[in-house]
Amino acid sequence: MANSVYQVNKGINASIEFKGLKAQYIWYLGGGVVVLMIVFAVMYIAGLPSYLCIGVILLAGTGLVMKVYGMSNKYGEHGLMKALAKKQVPKVLRSRSRRIFLVRNKQD
């Protein structure tokens, strides 16, 4: 039996990349696999047929891998955080009064 050696690419000040996944997406995929294992165990203990459990988990796992790889390619290392932060920025700031600009600070 041959030993498998996986290459983890990491340079100076570079994020970890493993099999094309960058940075936090490795953790997202790992967490998704753990959740899928728990769902499989719950389905199996609930008495569903084994082939149905395996089929559902295979479909969900395929979707998970495709989604995580897609996000990794689309957003990159920091892009997802930037996209989520951009949604938090208000589109318009409205002020119904100019009082905040007219009142002098008592410290001055």
PDB file of N, CA and C in Angstrom:
ATOM      1  N   MET A   1       0.842  -1.167   0.000  1.00  0.00           N
ATOM      2  CA  MET A   1       0.000   0.000   0.000  1.00  0.00           C
ATOM      3  C   MET A   1       0.892   1.237   0.000  1.00  0.00           C
ATOM      4  N   ALA A   2       0.660   2.127  -0.928  1.00  0.00           N
ATOM      5  CA  ALA A   2       1.491   3.324  -1.064  1.00  0.00           C
ATOM      6  C   ALA A   2       1.017   4.404  -0.102  1.00  0.00           C
ATOM      7  N   ASN A   3       1.958   5.153   0.412  1.00  0.00           N
ATOM      8  CA  ASN A   3       1.614   6.271   1.286  1.00  0.00           C
ATOM      9  C   ASN A   3       1.242   7.471   0.449  1.00  0.00           C
ATOM     10  N   SER A   4       0.173   8.173   0.851  1.00  0.00           N
ATOM     11  CA  SER A   4      -0.252   9.374   0.148  1.00  0.00           C
ATOM     12  C   SER A   4       0.392  10.582   0.804  1.00  0.00           C
ATOM     13  N   VAL A   5       0.911  11.455  -0.003  1.00  0.00           N
ATOM     14  CA  VAL A   5       1.495  12.681   0.498  1.00  0.00           C
ATOM     15  C   VAL A   5       0.720  13.832  -0.124  1.00  0.00           C
ATOM     16  N   TYR A   6       0.090  14.651   0.713  1.00  0.00           N
ATOM     17  CA  TYR A   6      -0.678  15.787   0.228  1.00  0.00           C
ATOM     18  C   TYR A   6       0.165  17.041   0.369  1.00  0.00           C
ATOM     19  N   GLN A   7       0.189  17.819  -0.666  1.00  0.00           N
ATOM     20  CA  GLN A   7       0.976  19.045  -0.685  1.00  0.00           C
ATOM     21  C   GLN A   7       0.122  20.204  -0.182  1.00  0.00           C
ATOM     22  N   VAL A   8       0.556  20.865   0.856  1.00  0.00           N
ATOM     23  CA  VAL A   8      -0.098  22.065   1.355  1.00  0.00           C
ATOM     24  C   VAL A   8       0.787  23.231   0.973  1.00  0.00           C
ATOM     25  N   ASN A   9       0.268  24.082   0.084  1.00  0.00           N
ATOM     26  CA  ASN A   9       1.052  25.210  -0.401  1.00  0.00           C
ATOM     27  C   ASN A   9       0.922  26.380   0.555  1.00  0.00           C
ATOM     28  N   LYS A  10       2.029  26.795   1.127  1.00  0.00           N
ATOM     29  CA  LYS A  10       2.033  27.943   2.033  1.00  0.00           C
ATOM     30  C   LYS A  10       3.371  28.631   1.899  1.00  0.00           C
ATOM     31  N   GLY A  11       3.348  29.851   1.399  1.00  0.00           N
ATOM     32  CA  GLY A  11       4.559  30.642   1.298  1.00  0.00           C
ATOM     33  C   GLY A  11       4.605  31.639   2.444  1.00  0.00           C
ATOM     34  N   ILE A  12       5.566  32.526   2.395  1.00  0.00           N
ATOM     35  CA  ILE A  12       5.679  33.554   3.419  1.00  0.00           C
ATOM     36  C   ILE A  12       4.526  34.537   3.253  1.00  0.00           C
ATOM     37  N   ASN A  13       3.819  34.798   4.339  1.00  0.00           N
ATOM     38  CA  ASN A  13       2.668  35.706   4.361  1.00  0.00           C
ATOM     39  C   ASN A  13       1.593  35.321   3.360  1.00  0.00           C
ATOM     40  N   ALA A  14       1.455  34.063   3.066  1.00  0.00           N
ATOM     41  CA  ALA A  14       0.415  33.591   2.159  1.00  0.00           C
ATOM     42  C   ALA A  14      -0.565  32.713   2.937  1.00  0.00           C
ATOM     43  N   SER A  15      -1.791  32.691   2.480  1.00  0.00           N
ATOM     44  CA  SER A  15      -2.785  31.865   3.161  1.00  0.00           C
ATOM     45  C   SER A  15      -2.598  30.407   2.743  1.00  0.00           C
ATOM     46  N   ILE A  16      -3.120  29.525   3.547  1.00  0.00           N
ATOM     47  CA  ILE A  16      -3.027  28.097   3.266  1.00  0.00           C
ATOM     48  C   ILE A  16      -3.920  27.771   2.080  1.00  0.00           C
ATOM     49  N   GLU A  17      -3.429  26.916   1.211  1.00  0.00           N
ATOM     50  CA  GLU A  17      -4.216  26.438   0.068  1.00  0.00           C
ATOM     51  C   GLU A  17      -4.068  24.930   0.009  1.00  0.00           C
ATOM     52  N   PHE A  18      -5.190  24.236  -0.064  1.00  0.00           N
ATOM     53  CA  PHE A  18      -5.179  22.776  -0.098  1.00  0.00           C
ATOM     54  C   PHE A  18      -6.145  22.307  -1.168  1.00  0.00           C
ATOM     55  N   LYS A  19      -5.624  21.658  -2.184  1.00  0.00           N
ATOM     56  CA  LYS A  19      -6.443  21.126  -3.289  1.00  0.00           C
ATOM     57  C   LYS A  19      -7.317  22.212  -3.921  1.00  0.00           C
ATOM     58  N   GLY A  20      -6.809  23.422  -4.003  1.00  0.00           N
ATOM     59  CA  GLY A  20      -7.545  24.513  -4.631  1.00  0.00           C
ATOM     60  C   GLY A  20      -8.390  25.336  -3.676  1.00  0.00           C
ATOM     61  N   LEU A  21      -8.600  24.852  -2.462  1.00  0.00           N
ATOM     62  CA  LEU A  21      -9.370  25.621  -1.474  1.00  0.00           C
ATOM     63  C   LEU A  21      -8.445  26.592  -0.771  1.00  0.00           C
ATOM     64  N   LYS A  22      -8.907  27.813  -0.584  1.00  0.00           N
ATOM     65  CA  LYS A  22      -8.082  28.839   0.034  1.00  0.00           C
ATOM     66  C   LYS A  22      -8.614  29.183   1.423  1.00  0.00           C
ATOM     67  N   ALA A  23      -7.716  29.397   2.340  1.00  0.00           N
ATOM     68  CA  ALA A  23      -7.964  29.977   3.670  1.00  0.00           C
ATOM     69  C   ALA A  23      -9.131  29.333   4.395  1.00  0.00           C
ATOM     70  N   GLN A  24     -10.161  30.126   4.714  1.00  0.00           N
ATOM     71  CA  GLN A  24     -11.250  29.673   5.586  1.00  0.00           C
ATOM     72  C   GLN A  24     -12.147  28.640   4.926  1.00  0.00           C
ATOM     73  N   TYR A  25     -12.091  28.488   3.603  1.00  0.00           N
ATOM     74  CA  TYR A  25     -12.963  27.537   2.924  1.00  0.00           C
ATOM     75  C   TYR A  25     -12.600  26.099   3.263  1.00  0.00           C
ATOM     76  N   ILE A  26     -11.374  25.862   3.676  1.00  0.00           N
ATOM     77  CA  ILE A  26     -10.988  24.526   4.146  1.00  0.00           C
ATOM     78  C   ILE A  26     -11.804  24.174   5.391  1.00  0.00           C
ATOM     79  N   TRP A  27     -11.943  25.153   6.288  1.00  0.00           N
ATOM     80  CA  TRP A  27     -12.736  24.933   7.510  1.00  0.00           C
ATOM     81  C   TRP A  27     -14.214  24.772   7.180  1.00  0.00           C
ATOM     82  N   TYR A  28     -14.715  25.542   6.219  1.00  0.00           N
ATOM     83  CA  TYR A  28     -16.124  25.421   5.838  1.00  0.00           C
ATOM     84  C   TYR A  28     -16.420  24.025   5.306  1.00  0.00           C
ATOM     85  N   LEU A  29     -15.542  23.501   4.474  1.00  0.00           N
ATOM     86  CA  LEU A  29     -15.751  22.165   3.924  1.00  0.00           C
ATOM     87  C   LEU A  29     -15.658  21.103   5.024  1.00  0.00           C
ATOM     88  N   GLY A  30     -14.699  21.251   5.924  1.00  0.00           N
ATOM     89  CA  GLY A  30     -14.580  20.301   7.039  1.00  0.00           C
ATOM     90  C   GLY A  30     -15.799  20.319   7.939  1.00  0.00           C
ATOM     91  N   GLY A  31     -16.288  21.502   8.258  1.00  0.00           N
ATOM     92  CA  GLY A  31     -17.495  21.615   9.081  1.00  0.00           C
ATOM     93  C   GLY A  31     -18.706  21.021   8.388  1.00  0.00           C
ATOM     94  N   GLY A  32     -18.803  21.228   7.079  1.00  0.00           N
ATOM     95  CA  GLY A  32     -19.912  20.657   6.325  1.00  0.00           C
ATOM     96  C   GLY A  32     -19.888  19.144   6.322  1.00  0.00           C
ATOM     97  N   VAL A  33     -18.689  18.569   6.227  1.00  0.00           N
ATOM     98  CA  VAL A  33     -18.568  17.109   6.251  1.00  0.00           C
ATOM     99  C   VAL A  33     -18.984  16.561   7.613  1.00  0.00           C
ATOM    100  N   VAL A  34     -18.612  17.250   8.678  1.00  0.00           N
ATOM    101  CA  VAL A  34     -19.022  16.819  10.023  1.00  0.00           C
ATOM    102  C   VAL A  34     -20.541  16.875  10.162  1.00  0.00           C
ATOM    103  N   VAL A  35     -21.151  17.943   9.673  1.00  0.00           N
ATOM    104  CA  VAL A  35     -22.614  18.069   9.730  1.00  0.00           C
ATOM    105  C   VAL A  35     -23.271  16.951   8.917  1.00  0.00           C
ATOM    106  N   LEU A  36     -22.721  16.638   7.751  1.00  0.00           N
ATOM    107  CA  LEU A  36     -23.289  15.557   6.935  1.00  0.00           C
ATOM    108  C   LEU A  36     -23.181  14.206   7.644  1.00  0.00           C
ATOM    109  N   MET A  37     -22.091  13.977   8.367  1.00  0.00           N
ATOM    110  CA  MET A  37     -21.964  12.722   9.109  1.00  0.00           C
ATOM    111  C   MET A  37     -23.016  12.644  10.219  1.00  0.00           C
ATOM    112  N   ILE A  38     -23.272  13.760  10.886  1.00  0.00           N
ATOM    113  CA  ILE A  38     -24.286  13.777  11.942  1.00  0.00           C
ATOM    114  C   ILE A  38     -25.674  13.546  11.350  1.00  0.00           C
ATOM    115  N   VAL A  39     -25.954  14.180  10.209  1.00  0.00           N
ATOM    116  CA  VAL A  39     -27.251  13.980   9.552  1.00  0.00           C
ATOM    117  C   VAL A  39     -27.412  12.521   9.135  1.00  0.00           C
ATOM    118  N   PHE A  40     -26.356  11.920   8.609  1.00  0.00           N
ATOM    119  CA  PHE A  40     -26.422  10.500   8.241  1.00  0.00           C
ATOM    120  C   PHE A  40     -26.730   9.643   9.462  1.00  0.00           C
ATOM    121  N   ALA A  41     -26.051   9.907  10.575  1.00  0.00           N
ATOM    122  CA  ALA A  41     -26.280   9.111  11.786  1.00  0.00           C
ATOM    123  C   ALA A  41     -27.722   9.258  12.277  1.00  0.00           C
ATOM    124  N   VAL A  42     -28.248  10.479  12.238  1.00  0.00           N
ATOM    125  CA  VAL A  42     -29.629  10.704  12.685  1.00  0.00           C
ATOM    126  C   VAL A  42     -30.606   9.976  11.770  1.00  0.00           C
ATOM    127  N   MET A  43     -30.380  10.065  10.471  1.00  0.00           N
ATOM    128  CA  MET A  43     -31.270   9.382   9.527  1.00  0.00           C
ATOM    129  C   MET A  43     -31.209   7.868   9.705  1.00  0.00           C
ATOM    130  N   TYR A  44     -30.021   7.341   9.911  1.00  0.00           N
ATOM    131  CA  TYR A  44     -29.849   5.909  10.075  1.00  0.00           C
ATOM    132  C   TYR A  44     -30.495   5.420  11.377  1.00  0.00           C
ATOM    133  N   ILE A  45     -30.302   6.173  12.456  1.00  0.00           N
ATOM    134  CA  ILE A  45     -30.895   5.795  13.744  1.00  0.00           C
ATOM    135  C   ILE A  45     -32.414   5.919  13.699  1.00  0.00           C
ATOM    136  N   ALA A  46     -32.919   6.860  12.885  1.00  0.00           N
ATOM    137  CA  ALA A  46     -34.367   7.029  12.763  1.00  0.00           C
ATOM    138  C   ALA A  46     -35.009   5.864  12.018  1.00  0.00           C
ATOM    139  N   GLY A  47     -34.213   5.022  11.395  1.00  0.00           N
ATOM    140  CA  GLY A  47     -34.754   3.827  10.769  1.00  0.00           C
ATOM    141  C   GLY A  47     -34.959   3.943   9.265  1.00  0.00           C
ATOM    142  N   LEU A  48     -34.439   4.971   8.646  1.00  0.00           N
ATOM    143  CA  LEU A  48     -34.563   5.081   7.194  1.00  0.00           C
ATOM    144  C   LEU A  48     -33.660   4.050   6.527  1.00  0.00           C
ATOM    145  N   PRO A  49     -34.029   3.607   5.338  1.00  0.00           N
ATOM    146  CA  PRO A  49     -33.187   2.617   4.638  1.00  0.00           C
ATOM    147  C   PRO A  49     -31.775   3.159   4.382  1.00  0.00           C
ATOM    148  N   SER A  50     -30.806   2.268   4.454  1.00  0.00           N
ATOM    149  CA  SER A  50     -29.402   2.661   4.312  1.00  0.00           C
ATOM    150  C   SER A  50     -29.123   3.316   2.970  1.00  0.00           C
ATOM    151  N   TYR A  51     -29.694   2.753   1.896  1.00  0.00           N
ATOM    152  CA  TYR A  51     -29.436   3.305   0.569  1.00  0.00           C
ATOM    153  C   TYR A  51     -30.025   4.702   0.420  1.00  0.00           C
ATOM    154  N   LEU A  52     -31.142   4.942   1.042  1.00  0.00           N
ATOM    155  CA  LEU A  52     -31.729   6.285   1.011  1.00  0.00           C
ATOM    156  C   LEU A  52     -30.827   7.271   1.762  1.00  0.00           C
ATOM    157  N   CYS A  53     -30.328   6.857   2.921  1.00  0.00           N
ATOM    158  CA  CYS A  53     -29.418   7.718   3.697  1.00  0.00           C
ATOM    159  C   CYS A  53     -28.165   8.045   2.890  1.00  0.00           C
ATOM    160  N   ILE A  54     -27.585   7.027   2.281  1.00  0.00           N
ATOM    161  CA  ILE A  54     -26.360   7.235   1.503  1.00  0.00           C
ATOM    162  C   ILE A  54     -26.630   8.138   0.310  1.00  0.00           C
ATOM    163  N   GLY A  55     -27.752   7.927  -0.365  1.00  0.00           N
ATOM    164  CA  GLY A  55     -28.097   8.757  -1.521  1.00  0.00           C
ATOM    165  C   GLY A  55     -28.278  10.223  -1.160  1.00  0.00           C
ATOM    166  N   VAL A  56     -28.997  10.467  -0.076  1.00  0.00           N
ATOM    167  CA  VAL A  56     -29.227  11.850   0.367  1.00  0.00           C
ATOM    168  C   VAL A  56     -27.901  12.512   0.749  1.00  0.00           C
ATOM    169  N   ILE A  57     -27.066  11.799   1.484  1.00  0.00           N
ATOM    170  CA  ILE A  57     -25.790  12.367   1.925  1.00  0.00           C
ATOM    171  C   ILE A  57     -24.856  12.590   0.738  1.00  0.00           C
ATOM    172  N   LEU A  58     -24.857  11.685  -0.244  1.00  0.00           N
ATOM    173  CA  LEU A  58     -24.019  11.874  -1.432  1.00  0.00           C
ATOM    174  C   LEU A  58     -24.462  13.108  -2.220  1.00  0.00           C
ATOM    175  N   LEU A  59     -25.765  13.281  -2.382  1.00  0.00           N
ATOM    176  CA  LEU A  59     -26.258  14.470  -3.090  1.00  0.00           C
ATOM    177  C   LEU A  59     -25.922  15.749  -2.322  1.00  0.00           C
ATOM    178  N   ALA A  60     -26.162  15.730  -1.023  1.00  0.00           N
ATOM    179  CA  ALA A  60     -25.867  16.912  -0.212  1.00  0.00           C
ATOM    180  C   ALA A  60     -24.358  17.187  -0.173  1.00  0.00           C
ATOM    181  N   GLY A  61     -23.547  16.127  -0.094  1.00  0.00           N
ATOM    182  CA  GLY A  61     -22.097  16.295  -0.089  1.00  0.00           C
ATOM    183  C   GLY A  61     -21.584  16.855  -1.401  1.00  0.00           C
ATOM    184  N   THR A  62     -22.139  16.388  -2.509  1.00  0.00           N
ATOM    185  CA  THR A  62     -21.754  16.928  -3.821  1.00  0.00           C
ATOM    186  C   THR A  62     -22.097  18.404  -3.911  1.00  0.00           C
ATOM    187  N   GLY A  63     -23.288  18.750  -3.462  1.00  0.00           N
ATOM    188  CA  GLY A  63     -23.686  20.162  -3.459  1.00  0.00           C
ATOM    189  C   GLY A  63     -22.790  21.007  -2.562  1.00  0.00           C
ATOM    190  N   LEU A  64     -22.427  20.464  -1.405  1.00  0.00           N
ATOM    191  CA  LEU A  64     -21.541  21.179  -0.479  1.00  0.00           C
ATOM    192  C   LEU A  64     -20.186  21.446  -1.115  1.00  0.00           C
ATOM    193  N   VAL A  65     -19.591  20.425  -1.714  1.00  0.00           N
ATOM    194  CA  VAL A  65     -18.272  20.584  -2.324  1.00  0.00           C
ATOM    195  C   VAL A  65     -18.330  21.593  -3.463  1.00  0.00           C
ATOM    196  N   MET A  66     -19.362  21.489  -4.297  1.00  0.00           N
ATOM    197  CA  MET A  66     -19.484  22.432  -5.417  1.00  0.00           C
ATOM    198  C   MET A  66     -19.655  23.861  -4.923  1.00  0.00           C
ATOM    199  N   LYS A  67     -20.462  24.055  -3.891  1.00  0.00           N
ATOM    200  CA  LYS A  67     -20.711  25.401  -3.358  1.00  0.00           C
ATOM    201  C   LYS A  67     -19.446  25.984  -2.721  1.00  0.00           C
ATOM    202  N   VAL A  68     -18.736  25.192  -1.922  1.00  0.00           N
ATOM    203  CA  VAL A  68     -17.546  25.693  -1.243  1.00  0.00           C
ATOM    204  C   VAL A  68     -16.440  26.000  -2.253  1.00  0.00           C
ATOM    205  N   TYR A  69     -16.234  25.123  -3.223  1.00  0.00           N
ATOM    206  CA  TYR A  69     -15.227  25.405  -4.253  1.00  0.00           C
ATOM    207  C   TYR A  69     -15.623  26.624  -5.073  1.00  0.00           C
ATOM    208  N   GLY A  70     -16.908  26.769  -5.361  1.00  0.00           N
ATOM    209  CA  GLY A  70     -17.375  27.943  -6.099  1.00  0.00           C
ATOM    210  C   GLY A  70     -17.130  29.234  -5.335  1.00  0.00           C
ATOM    211  N   MET A  71     -17.415  29.223  -4.025  1.00  0.00           N
ATOM    212  CA  MET A  71     -17.167  30.419  -3.212  1.00  0.00           C
ATOM    213  C   MET A  71     -15.672  30.706  -3.121  1.00  0.00           C
ATOM    214  N   SER A  72     -14.864  29.662  -3.014  1.00  0.00           N
ATOM    215  CA  SER A  72     -13.419  29.852  -2.937  1.00  0.00           C
ATOM    216  C   SER A  72     -12.889  30.494  -4.216  1.00  0.00           C
ATOM    217  N   ASN A  73     -13.394  30.043  -5.350  1.00  0.00           N
ATOM    218  CA  ASN A  73     -12.950  30.610  -6.624  1.00  0.00           C
ATOM    219  C   ASN A  73     -13.505  32.010  -6.851  1.00  0.00           C
ATOM    220  N   LYS A  74     -14.746  32.248  -6.432  1.00  0.00           N
ATOM    221  CA  LYS A  74     -15.383  33.548  -6.680  1.00  0.00           C
ATOM    222  C   LYS A  74     -14.823  34.640  -5.780  1.00  0.00           C
ATOM    223  N   TYR A  75     -14.731  34.357  -4.488  1.00  0.00           N
ATOM    224  CA  TYR A  75     -14.376  35.398  -3.527  1.00  0.00           C
ATOM    225  C   TYR A  75     -12.897  35.406  -3.145  1.00  0.00           C
ATOM    226  N   GLY A  76     -12.234  34.278  -3.195  1.00  0.00           N
ATOM    227  CA  GLY A  76     -10.835  34.228  -2.801  1.00  0.00           C
ATOM    228  C   GLY A  76     -10.671  34.274  -1.290  1.00  0.00           C
ATOM    229  N   GLU A  77      -9.491  34.705  -0.858  1.00  0.00           N
ATOM    230  CA  GLU A  77      -9.142  34.640   0.563  1.00  0.00           C
ATOM    231  C   GLU A  77      -9.982  35.574   1.429  1.00  0.00           C
ATOM    232  N   HIS A  78     -10.087  36.845   1.056  1.00  0.00           N
ATOM    233  CA  HIS A  78     -10.792  37.824   1.891  1.00  0.00           C
ATOM    234  C   HIS A  78     -12.080  38.332   1.265  1.00  0.00           C
ATOM    235  N   GLY A  79     -12.395  37.906   0.061  1.00  0.00           N
ATOM    236  CA  GLY A  79     -13.528  38.459  -0.671  1.00  0.00           C
ATOM    237  C   GLY A  79     -14.869  38.203  -0.022  1.00  0.00           C
ATOM    238  N   LEU A  80     -15.051  37.049   0.605  1.00  0.00           N
ATOM    239  CA  LEU A  80     -16.333  36.743   1.232  1.00  0.00           C
ATOM    240  C   LEU A  80     -16.590  37.681   2.402  1.00  0.00           C
ATOM    241  N   MET A  81     -15.566  37.947   3.196  1.00  0.00           N
ATOM    242  CA  MET A  81     -15.723  38.879   4.318  1.00  0.00           C
ATOM    243  C   MET A  81     -16.039  40.278   3.805  1.00  0.00           C
ATOM    244  N   LYS A  82     -15.406  40.674   2.710  1.00  0.00           N
ATOM    245  CA  LYS A  82     -15.668  41.990   2.135  1.00  0.00           C
ATOM    246  C   LYS A  82     -17.091  42.067   1.593  1.00  0.00           C
ATOM    247  N   ALA A  83     -17.562  40.999   0.955  1.00  0.00           N
ATOM    248  CA  ALA A  83     -18.919  40.980   0.419  1.00  0.00           C
ATOM    249  C   ALA A  83     -19.947  41.053   1.541  1.00  0.00           C
ATOM    250  N   LEU A  84     -19.704  40.328   2.631  1.00  0.00           N
ATOM    251  CA  LEU A  84     -20.626  40.370   3.770  1.00  0.00           C
ATOM    252  C   LEU A  84     -20.591  41.733   4.454  1.00  0.00           C
ATOM    253  N   ALA A  85     -19.415  42.360   4.528  1.00  0.00           N
ATOM    254  CA  ALA A  85     -19.303  43.681   5.141  1.00  0.00           C
ATOM    255  C   ALA A  85     -19.992  44.736   4.286  1.00  0.00           C
ATOM    256  N   LYS A  86     -19.928  44.578   2.976  1.00  0.00           N
ATOM    257  CA  LYS A  86     -20.551  45.555   2.071  1.00  0.00           C
ATOM    258  C   LYS A  86     -22.062  45.567   2.241  1.00  0.00           C
ATOM    259  N   LYS A  87     -22.645  44.431   2.569  1.00  0.00           N
ATOM    260  CA  LYS A  87     -24.091  44.365   2.798  1.00  0.00           C
ATOM    261  C   LYS A  87     -24.507  45.123   4.058  1.00  0.00           C
ATOM    262  N   GLN A  88     -23.583  45.309   4.997  1.00  0.00           N
ATOM    263  CA  GLN A  88     -23.888  45.986   6.253  1.00  0.00           C
ATOM    264  C   GLN A  88     -23.823  47.509   6.130  1.00  0.00           C
ATOM    265  N   VAL A  89     -23.235  48.026   5.059  1.00  0.00           N
ATOM    266  CA  VAL A  89     -23.105  49.470   4.889  1.00  0.00           C
ATOM    267  C   VAL A  89     -24.435  50.017   4.400  1.00  0.00           C
ATOM    268  N   PRO A  90     -24.973  51.050   5.065  1.00  0.00           N
ATOM    269  CA  PRO A  90     -26.260  51.602   4.627  1.00  0.00           C
ATOM    270  C   PRO A  90     -26.118  52.291   3.278  1.00  0.00           C
ATOM    271  N   LYS A  91     -27.179  52.229   2.481  1.00  0.00           N
ATOM    272  CA  LYS A  91     -27.150  52.852   1.163  1.00  0.00           C
ATOM    273  C   LYS A  91     -27.307  54.367   1.279  1.00  0.00           C
ATOM    274  N   VAL A  92     -28.102  54.819   2.261  1.00  0.00           N
ATOM    275  CA  VAL A  92     -28.384  56.244   2.416  1.00  0.00           C
ATOM    276  C   VAL A  92     -28.353  56.584   3.907  1.00  0.00           C
ATOM    277  N   LEU A  93     -27.780  57.758   4.235  1.00  0.00           N
ATOM    278  CA  LEU A  93     -27.849  58.295   5.591  1.00  0.00           C
ATOM    279  C   LEU A  93     -28.764  59.511   5.548  1.00  0.00           C
ATOM    280  N   ARG A  94     -29.775  59.532   6.384  1.00  0.00           N
ATOM    281  CA  ARG A  94     -30.718  60.647   6.391  1.00  0.00           C
ATOM    282  C   ARG A  94     -30.667  61.364   7.731  1.00  0.00           C
ATOM    283  N   SER A  95     -30.622  62.661   7.646  1.00  0.00           N
ATOM    284  CA  SER A  95     -30.666  63.483   8.843  1.00  0.00           C
ATOM    285  C   SER A  95     -31.841  64.436   8.696  1.00  0.00           C
ATOM    286  N   ARG A  96     -32.776  64.379   9.617  1.00  0.00           N
ATOM    287  CA  ARG A  96     -33.966  65.220   9.544  1.00  0.00           C
ATOM    288  C   ARG A  96     -33.739  66.573  10.227  1.00  0.00           C
ATOM    289  N   SER A  97     -32.581  66.717  10.838  1.00  0.00           N
ATOM    290  CA  SER A  97     -32.299  67.948  11.557  1.00  0.00           C
ATOM    291  C   SER A  97     -30.827  68.301  11.369  1.00  0.00           C
ATOM    292  N   ARG A  98     -30.549  69.624  11.386  1.00  0.00           N
ATOM    293  CA  ARG A  98     -29.163  70.076  11.282  1.00  0.00           C
ATOM    294  C   ARG A  98     -28.593  70.382  12.666  1.00  0.00           C
ATOM    295  N   ARG A  99     -29.349  70.097  13.692  1.00  0.00           N
ATOM    296  CA  ARG A  99     -28.961  70.447  15.054  1.00  0.00           C
ATOM    297  C   ARG A  99     -27.619  69.837  15.462  1.00  0.00           C
ATOM    298  N   ILE A 100     -27.349  68.634  15.040  1.00  0.00           N
ATOM    299  CA  ILE A 100     -26.098  67.991  15.418  1.00  0.00           C
ATOM    300  C   ILE A 100     -24.891  68.761  14.889  1.00  0.00           C
ATOM    301  N   PHE A 101     -25.070  69.470  13.787  1.00  0.00           N
ATOM    302  CA  PHE A 101     -23.976  70.236  13.215  1.00  0.00           C
ATOM    303  C   PHE A 101     -23.915  71.664  13.784  1.00  0.00           C
ATOM    304  N   LEU A 102     -25.005  72.137  14.345  1.00  0.00           N
ATOM    305  CA  LEU A 102     -25.073  73.519  14.816  1.00  0.00           C
ATOM    306  C   LEU A 102     -24.704  73.663  16.292  1.00  0.00           C
ATOM    307  N   VAL A 103     -24.932  72.628  17.099  1.00  0.00           N
ATOM    308  CA  VAL A 103     -24.649  72.702  18.520  1.00  0.00           C
ATOM    309  C   VAL A 103     -23.150  72.607  18.745  1.00  0.00           C
ATOM    310  N   ARG A 104     -22.616  73.566  19.496  1.00  0.00           N
ATOM    311  CA  ARG A 104     -21.189  73.561  19.787  1.00  0.00           C
ATOM    312  C   ARG A 104     -20.873  72.569  20.871  1.00  0.00           C
ATOM    313  N   ASN A 105     -19.732  71.980  20.761  1.00  0.00           N
ATOM    314  CA  ASN A 105     -19.260  71.059  21.764  1.00  0.00           C
ATOM    315  C   ASN A 105     -18.867  71.829  23.023  1.00  0.00           C
ATOM    316  N   LYS A 106     -19.229  71.363  24.201  1.00  0.00           N
ATOM    317  CA  LYS A 106     -18.903  72.077  25.434  1.00  0.00           C
ATOM    318  C   LYS A 106     -17.423  71.972  25.785  1.00  0.00           C
ATOM    319  N   GLN A 107     -16.694  71.055  25.148  1.00  0.00           N
ATOM    320  CA  GLN A 107     -15.286  70.915  25.421  1.00  0.00           C
ATOM    321  C   GLN A 107     -14.463  72.000  24.739  1.00  0.00           C
ATOM    322  N   ASP A 108     -15.015  72.620  23.687  1.00  0.00           N
ATOM    323  CA  ASP A 108     -14.263  73.638  22.932  1.00  0.00           C
ATOM    324  C   ASP A 108     -14.179  74.944  23.668  1.00  0.00           C
TER     325      ASP A 108
END
